[in-house]
Amino acid sequence: MAKAELRAQAVALREAGCSVPDIASRLGVARSTAFTWVRHVPLPDTDERVARRSS
C-alpha cells in the first residue's frame, strides 16, 4: 500500500476515535510514524473523554 494511502487511513482512524498505538498496529507502522501522521487531528469528544476532563 502506498504511503499516502496509509496516511489517509491513519487520519480516518484517528477521526473515528482510534488511539495512536491502535492506528500503528492496524496499519503495521511504528507508533512514532502513526503519531506524525495524525498529530494534527484532534480526537473527537466522547462521553468518556469529557467525563475524565471534568473530574
C-alpha atoms as a PDB file:
ATOM      1  CA  MET A   1       0.000   0.000   0.000  1.00  0.00           C
ATOM      2  CA  ALA A   2       1.286   3.458  -0.856  1.00  0.00           C
ATOM      3  CA  LYS A   3       2.374   5.801   1.921  1.00  0.00           C
ATOM      4  CA  ALA A   4      -0.278   8.382   1.001  1.00  0.00           C
ATOM      5  CA  GLU A   5      -2.995   5.731   1.325  1.00  0.00           C
ATOM      6  CA  LEU A   6      -1.689   4.623   4.717  1.00  0.00           C
ATOM      7  CA  ARG A   7      -1.561   8.223   5.910  1.00  0.00           C
ATOM      8  CA  ALA A   8      -5.159   8.814   4.765  1.00  0.00           C
ATOM      9  CA  GLN A   9      -6.272   5.660   6.572  1.00  0.00           C
ATOM     10  CA  ALA A  10      -4.453   6.799   9.712  1.00  0.00           C
ATOM     11  CA  VAL A  11      -6.251  10.147   9.642  1.00  0.00           C
ATOM     12  CA  ALA A  12      -9.612   8.433   9.111  1.00  0.00           C
ATOM     13  CA  LEU A  13      -8.969   6.076  12.021  1.00  0.00           C
ATOM     14  CA  ARG A  14      -7.982   8.980  14.290  1.00  0.00           C
ATOM     15  CA  GLU A  15     -11.112  10.894  13.321  1.00  0.00           C
ATOM     16  CA  ALA A  16     -13.070   7.773  14.249  1.00  0.00           C
ATOM     17  CA  GLY A  17     -11.507   7.906  17.721  1.00  0.00           C
ATOM     18  CA  CYS A  18      -8.687   5.365  17.488  1.00  0.00           C
ATOM     19  CA  SER A  19      -5.593   5.797  19.624  1.00  0.00           C
ATOM     20  CA  VAL A  20      -2.156   6.204  18.082  1.00  0.00           C
ATOM     21  CA  PRO A  21      -0.989   2.731  19.237  1.00  0.00           C
ATOM     22  CA  ASP A  22      -4.147   1.197  17.765  1.00  0.00           C
ATOM     23  CA  ILE A  23      -3.626   3.001  14.456  1.00  0.00           C
ATOM     24  CA  ALA A  24       0.006   1.881  14.319  1.00  0.00           C
ATOM     25  CA  SER A  25      -0.974  -1.711  14.996  1.00  0.00           C
ATOM     26  CA  ARG A  26      -3.769  -1.760  12.431  1.00  0.00           C
ATOM     27  CA  LEU A  27      -1.621  -0.239   9.695  1.00  0.00           C
ATOM     28  CA  GLY A  28       1.610  -2.062  10.547  1.00  0.00           C
ATOM     29  CA  VAL A  29       3.684   1.071  11.119  1.00  0.00           C
ATOM     30  CA  ALA A  30       5.682   2.391  14.061  1.00  0.00           C
ATOM     31  CA  ARG A  31       3.815   4.383  16.710  1.00  0.00           C
ATOM     32  CA  SER A  32       6.056   7.347  16.006  1.00  0.00           C
ATOM     33  CA  THR A  33       5.060   7.246  12.343  1.00  0.00           C
ATOM     34  CA  ALA A  34       1.366   6.992  13.209  1.00  0.00           C
ATOM     35  CA  PHE A  35       1.712   9.920  15.620  1.00  0.00           C
ATOM     36  CA  THR A  36       3.452  12.045  12.995  1.00  0.00           C
ATOM     37  CA  TRP A  37       0.637  11.366  10.543  1.00  0.00           C
ATOM     38  CA  VAL A  38      -2.202  12.192  12.948  1.00  0.00           C
ATOM     39  CA  ARG A  39      -0.819  14.715  15.421  1.00  0.00           C
ATOM     40  CA  HIS A  40      -2.837  17.494  13.765  1.00  0.00           C
ATOM     41  CA  VAL A  41      -6.110  15.557  14.140  1.00  0.00           C
ATOM     42  CA  PRO A  42      -7.888  16.082  17.467  1.00  0.00           C
ATOM     43  CA  LEU A  43      -9.708  13.125  18.988  1.00  0.00           C
ATOM     44  CA  PRO A  44     -13.471  13.507  18.848  1.00  0.00           C
ATOM     45  CA  ASP A  45     -15.094  14.258  22.191  1.00  0.00           C
ATOM     46  CA  THR A  46     -16.620  11.118  23.598  1.00  0.00           C
ATOM     47  CA  ASP A  47     -18.641  10.922  26.794  1.00  0.00           C
ATOM     48  CA  GLU A  48     -15.766   9.098  28.475  1.00  0.00           C
ATOM     49  CA  ARG A  49     -13.159  11.704  27.486  1.00  0.00           C
ATOM     50  CA  VAL A  50     -15.420  14.560  28.574  1.00  0.00           C
ATOM     51  CA  ALA A  51     -16.035  12.872  31.927  1.00  0.00           C
ATOM     52  CA  ARG A  52     -12.285  12.380  32.501  1.00  0.00           C
ATOM     53  CA  ARG A  53     -11.566  16.045  31.770  1.00  0.00           C
ATOM     54  CA  SER A  54     -14.356  17.197  34.111  1.00  0.00           C
ATOM     55  CA  SER A  55     -13.028  15.176  37.058  1.00  0.00           C
END
